[in-house]
Amino acid sequence: MSIPDGNELQSSHLLKDVNDLAGVRAAIRALVEPYGRDAVVDTLLVADELAVIALGNGRLPGEVHAVISPFAAAQPQLRVEVRTGREGDPPGTVPSQESWKVLNNCTLAWGISRDGERTTFWANVRLRIPMDDGHDADVLVLRPQ
């Protein structure tokens, strides 16, 4: 199992409508697959929830960005952001109770930020690699110099 190098640490995908979710999922799966099944499941759940919330609240098209933080040595994590244009009113669709459960249980932190003409739906997901004995190990991800 190899850890992503500097060229594989990020992914971006256009989000125009619900049909783009398959492409978002494929890109994020490829990005976090080296971290094991749990990381893939958690990040896919989180990315889906953020994208669906954005589809109901943002001005589209939007962009989905996923970046593995190489600076969180003690706790490697994936930052998922869904950036859309800002609607005139505050978000109209409140995340469902199921969305709250997914986001609260699968992330270190998550939120919605509004800045100027943009709304960003974001979350940080902890990445771990399963060890052969069934326990998880922290992974240090460094950018090549």
C-alpha atoms as a PDB file:
ATOM      1  CA  MET A   1       0.000   0.000   0.000  1.00  0.00           C
ATOM      2  CA  SER A   2       1.476   3.350  -0.995  1.00  0.00           C
ATOM      3  CA  ILE A   3       0.766   6.712   0.505  1.00  0.00           C
ATOM      4  CA  PRO A   4      -0.159   9.517  -1.923  1.00  0.00           C
ATOM      5  CA  ASP A   5       2.710  11.726  -3.013  1.00  0.00           C
ATOM      6  CA  GLY A   6       2.454  15.449  -3.749  1.00  0.00           C
ATOM      7  CA  ASN A   7       0.787  14.856  -7.106  1.00  0.00           C
ATOM      8  CA  GLU A   8      -2.059  12.812  -5.617  1.00  0.00           C
ATOM      9  CA  LEU A   9      -2.903  14.946  -2.600  1.00  0.00           C
ATOM     10  CA  GLN A  10      -5.875  16.742  -4.099  1.00  0.00           C
ATOM     11  CA  SER A  11      -8.880  16.356  -6.318  1.00  0.00           C
ATOM     12  CA  SER A  12     -11.372  18.792  -7.874  1.00  0.00           C
ATOM     13  CA  HIS A  13     -14.654  18.147  -9.616  1.00  0.00           C
ATOM     14  CA  LEU A  14     -17.413  20.318 -11.089  1.00  0.00           C
ATOM     15  CA  LEU A  15     -20.851  20.069  -9.458  1.00  0.00           C
ATOM     16  CA  LYS A  16     -23.736  21.154 -11.685  1.00  0.00           C
ATOM     17  CA  ASP A  17     -26.467  18.778 -10.525  1.00  0.00           C
ATOM     18  CA  VAL A  18     -27.085  15.414  -8.869  1.00  0.00           C
ATOM     19  CA  ASN A  19     -25.709  13.591 -11.939  1.00  0.00           C
ATOM     20  CA  ASP A  20     -22.212  14.836 -11.041  1.00  0.00           C
ATOM     21  CA  LEU A  21     -22.161  12.952  -7.721  1.00  0.00           C
ATOM     22  CA  ALA A  22     -20.815   9.772  -9.358  1.00  0.00           C
ATOM     23  CA  GLY A  23     -17.770  11.663 -10.646  1.00  0.00           C
ATOM     24  CA  VAL A  24     -17.227  13.288  -7.259  1.00  0.00           C
ATOM     25  CA  ARG A  25     -17.372   9.878  -5.570  1.00  0.00           C
ATOM     26  CA  ALA A  26     -14.911   8.326  -8.031  1.00  0.00           C
ATOM     27  CA  ALA A  27     -12.402  11.164  -7.594  1.00  0.00           C
ATOM     28  CA  ILE A  28     -12.539  11.053  -3.793  1.00  0.00           C
ATOM     29  CA  ARG A  29     -12.383   7.255  -3.697  1.00  0.00           C
ATOM     30  CA  ALA A  30      -9.198   7.324  -5.802  1.00  0.00           C
ATOM     31  CA  LEU A  31      -7.701   9.965  -3.511  1.00  0.00           C
ATOM     32  CA  VAL A  32      -8.259   8.160  -0.192  1.00  0.00           C
ATOM     33  CA  GLU A  33      -8.131   4.499  -1.236  1.00  0.00           C
ATOM     34  CA  PRO A  34      -4.572   4.056   0.143  1.00  0.00           C
ATOM     35  CA  TYR A  35      -5.937   4.845   3.602  1.00  0.00           C
ATOM     36  CA  GLY A  36      -8.237   1.815   3.655  1.00  0.00           C
ATOM     37  CA  ARG A  37     -11.892   0.919   3.546  1.00  0.00           C
ATOM     38  CA  ASP A  38     -12.999   2.988   6.566  1.00  0.00           C
ATOM     39  CA  ALA A  39     -11.431   6.145   5.145  1.00  0.00           C
ATOM     40  CA  VAL A  40     -13.152   5.551   1.797  1.00  0.00           C
ATOM     41  CA  VAL A  41     -16.545   4.966   3.419  1.00  0.00           C
ATOM     42  CA  ASP A  42     -16.285   7.979   5.748  1.00  0.00           C
ATOM     43  CA  THR A  43     -15.091  10.393   3.080  1.00  0.00           C
ATOM     44  CA  LEU A  44     -17.696   9.246   0.553  1.00  0.00           C
ATOM     45  CA  LEU A  45     -20.485   9.676   3.109  1.00  0.00           C
ATOM     46  CA  VAL A  46     -19.232  13.137   4.041  1.00  0.00           C
ATOM     47  CA  ALA A  47     -18.696  14.292   0.445  1.00  0.00           C
ATOM     48  CA  ASP A  48     -22.175  13.089  -0.515  1.00  0.00           C
ATOM     49  CA  GLU A  49     -23.797  14.909   2.396  1.00  0.00           C
ATOM     50  CA  LEU A  50     -21.959  18.158   1.690  1.00  0.00           C
ATOM     51  CA  ALA A  51     -22.758  17.975  -2.028  1.00  0.00           C
ATOM     52  CA  VAL A  52     -26.450  17.304  -1.420  1.00  0.00           C
ATOM     53  CA  ILE A  53     -26.668  20.169   1.079  1.00  0.00           C
ATOM     54  CA  ALA A  54     -24.909  22.421  -1.449  1.00  0.00           C
ATOM     55  CA  LEU A  55     -27.233  21.331  -4.252  1.00  0.00           C
ATOM     56  CA  GLY A  56     -30.188  22.470  -2.144  1.00  0.00           C
ATOM     57  CA  ASN A  57     -28.652  25.736  -0.977  1.00  0.00           C
ATOM     58  CA  GLY A  58     -25.993  27.072  -3.321  1.00  0.00           C
ATOM     59  CA  ARG A  59     -26.002  28.804  -6.679  1.00  0.00           C
ATOM     60  CA  LEU A  60     -24.683  26.269  -9.154  1.00  0.00           C
ATOM     61  CA  PRO A  61     -22.445  25.278 -10.789  1.00  0.00           C
ATOM     62  CA  GLY A  62     -20.162  24.632  -7.867  1.00  0.00           C
ATOM     63  CA  GLU A  63     -16.845  22.915  -7.275  1.00  0.00           C
ATOM     64  CA  VAL A  64     -15.946  20.023  -4.996  1.00  0.00           C
ATOM     65  CA  HIS A  65     -12.373  20.119  -3.704  1.00  0.00           C
ATOM     66  CA  ALA A  66     -10.714  17.440  -1.602  1.00  0.00           C
ATOM     67  CA  VAL A  67      -7.211  17.949  -0.211  1.00  0.00           C
ATOM     68  CA  ILE A  68      -5.154  15.679   2.032  1.00  0.00           C
ATOM     69  CA  SER A  69      -3.359  17.818   4.569  1.00  0.00           C
ATOM     70  CA  PRO A  70       0.339  16.950   4.594  1.00  0.00           C
ATOM     71  CA  PHE A  71       0.846  19.215   7.618  1.00  0.00           C
ATOM     72  CA  ALA A  72      -1.271  17.274  10.084  1.00  0.00           C
ATOM     73  CA  ALA A  73       1.440  14.763  10.971  1.00  0.00           C
ATOM     74  CA  ALA A  74      -0.167  13.589  14.184  1.00  0.00           C
ATOM     75  CA  GLN A  75      -3.592  13.354  12.600  1.00  0.00           C
ATOM     76  CA  PRO A  76      -3.665  13.187   8.782  1.00  0.00           C
ATOM     77  CA  GLN A  77      -6.933  14.423   7.412  1.00  0.00           C
ATOM     78  CA  LEU A  78      -8.866  15.107   4.261  1.00  0.00           C
ATOM     79  CA  ARG A  79     -10.489  18.501   3.814  1.00  0.00           C
ATOM     80  CA  VAL A  80     -13.602  18.342   1.615  1.00  0.00           C
ATOM     81  CA  GLU A  81     -15.057  21.635   0.383  1.00  0.00           C
ATOM     82  CA  VAL A  82     -18.061  22.218  -1.836  1.00  0.00           C
ATOM     83  CA  ARG A  83     -17.923  25.804  -3.096  1.00  0.00           C
ATOM     84  CA  THR A  84     -20.943  27.404  -4.719  1.00  0.00           C
ATOM     85  CA  GLY A  85     -22.148  30.869  -5.561  1.00  0.00           C
ATOM     86  CA  ARG A  86     -23.919  32.573  -2.711  1.00  0.00           C
ATOM     87  CA  GLU A  87     -27.690  32.826  -2.759  1.00  0.00           C
ATOM     88  CA  GLY A  88     -29.245  36.051  -1.475  1.00  0.00           C
ATOM     89  CA  ASP A  89     -30.862  34.359   1.514  1.00  0.00           C
ATOM     90  CA  PRO A  90     -29.261  32.148   4.157  1.00  0.00           C
ATOM     91  CA  PRO A  91     -29.311  28.433   3.354  1.00  0.00           C
ATOM     92  CA  GLY A  92     -32.909  27.367   2.849  1.00  0.00           C
ATOM     93  CA  THR A  93     -32.466  23.635   3.317  1.00  0.00           C
ATOM     94  CA  VAL A  94     -31.383  22.750   6.814  1.00  0.00           C
ATOM     95  CA  PRO A  95     -29.296  19.569   6.925  1.00  0.00           C
ATOM     96  CA  SER A  96     -31.552  16.638   7.800  1.00  0.00           C
ATOM     97  CA  GLN A  97     -31.185  14.721  11.037  1.00  0.00           C
ATOM     98  CA  GLU A  98     -29.438  11.968   9.060  1.00  0.00           C
ATOM     99  CA  SER A  99     -27.009  14.500   7.576  1.00  0.00           C
ATOM    100  CA  TRP A 100     -26.208  15.804  11.061  1.00  0.00           C
ATOM    101  CA  LYS A 101     -25.506  12.254  12.241  1.00  0.00           C
ATOM    102  CA  VAL A 102     -23.193  11.487   9.313  1.00  0.00           C
ATOM    103  CA  LEU A 103     -21.314  14.772   9.569  1.00  0.00           C
ATOM    104  CA  ASN A 104     -20.975  14.647  13.355  1.00  0.00           C
ATOM    105  CA  ASN A 105     -19.863  11.000  13.431  1.00  0.00           C
ATOM    106  CA  CYS A 106     -17.523  10.920  10.415  1.00  0.00           C
ATOM    107  CA  THR A 107     -15.727  14.255  10.706  1.00  0.00           C
ATOM    108  CA  LEU A 108     -13.357  16.070  13.010  1.00  0.00           C
ATOM    109  CA  ALA A 109     -15.204  19.315  12.187  1.00  0.00           C
ATOM    110  CA  TRP A 110     -17.636  20.620   9.578  1.00  0.00           C
ATOM    111  CA  GLY A 111     -19.528  23.785   8.743  1.00  0.00           C
ATOM    112  CA  ILE A 112     -20.900  26.255   6.250  1.00  0.00           C
ATOM    113  CA  SER A 113     -19.011  29.486   5.537  1.00  0.00           C
ATOM    114  CA  ARG A 114     -20.336  32.450   3.592  1.00  0.00           C
ATOM    115  CA  ASP A 115     -17.868  34.957   2.205  1.00  0.00           C
ATOM    116  CA  GLY A 116     -18.697  37.592  -0.379  1.00  0.00           C
ATOM    117  CA  GLU A 117     -20.166  35.855  -3.397  1.00  0.00           C
ATOM    118  CA  ARG A 118     -19.350  32.303  -2.254  1.00  0.00           C
ATOM    119  CA  THR A 119     -20.751  29.719   0.106  1.00  0.00           C
ATOM    120  CA  THR A 120     -18.441  26.914   1.191  1.00  0.00           C
ATOM    121  CA  PHE A 121     -19.752  23.687   2.701  1.00  0.00           C
ATOM    122  CA  TRP A 122     -16.720  22.036   4.339  1.00  0.00           C
ATOM    123  CA  ALA A 123     -15.597  19.135   6.514  1.00  0.00           C
ATOM    124  CA  ASN A 124     -12.366  17.601   7.825  1.00  0.00           C
ATOM    125  CA  VAL A 125     -12.198  13.786   7.876  1.00  0.00           C
ATOM    126  CA  ARG A 126      -9.516  11.919   9.814  1.00  0.00           C
ATOM    127  CA  LEU A 127      -7.443   9.482   7.742  1.00  0.00           C
ATOM    128  CA  ARG A 128      -5.965   6.304   9.177  1.00  0.00           C
ATOM    129  CA  ILE A 129      -4.458   3.210   7.600  1.00  0.00           C
ATOM    130  CA  PRO A 130      -5.540  -0.159   8.965  1.00  0.00           C
ATOM    131  CA  MET A 131      -2.679  -2.325  10.184  1.00  0.00           C
ATOM    132  CA  ASP A 132      -2.539  -6.076   9.607  1.00  0.00           C
ATOM    133  CA  ASP A 133      -3.509  -6.815  13.209  1.00  0.00           C
ATOM    134  CA  GLY A 134      -6.828  -4.984  12.787  1.00  0.00           C
ATOM    135  CA  HIS A 135      -5.778  -1.843  14.659  1.00  0.00           C
ATOM    136  CA  ASP A 136      -5.469   1.525  13.001  1.00  0.00           C
ATOM    137  CA  ALA A 137      -2.186   3.375  12.623  1.00  0.00           C
ATOM    138  CA  ASP A 138      -1.642   7.078  12.181  1.00  0.00           C
ATOM    139  CA  VAL A 139       0.017   7.965   8.904  1.00  0.00           C
ATOM    140  CA  LEU A 140       2.417  10.791   8.221  1.00  0.00           C
ATOM    141  CA  VAL A 141       1.958  12.335   4.768  1.00  0.00           C
ATOM    142  CA  LEU A 142       4.762  14.598   3.565  1.00  0.00           C
ATOM    143  CA  ARG A 143       5.039  16.509   0.320  1.00  0.00           C
ATOM    144  CA  PRO A 144       8.080  15.578  -1.780  1.00  0.00           C
ATOM    145  CA  GLN A 145      10.751  18.256  -1.764  1.00  0.00           C
END
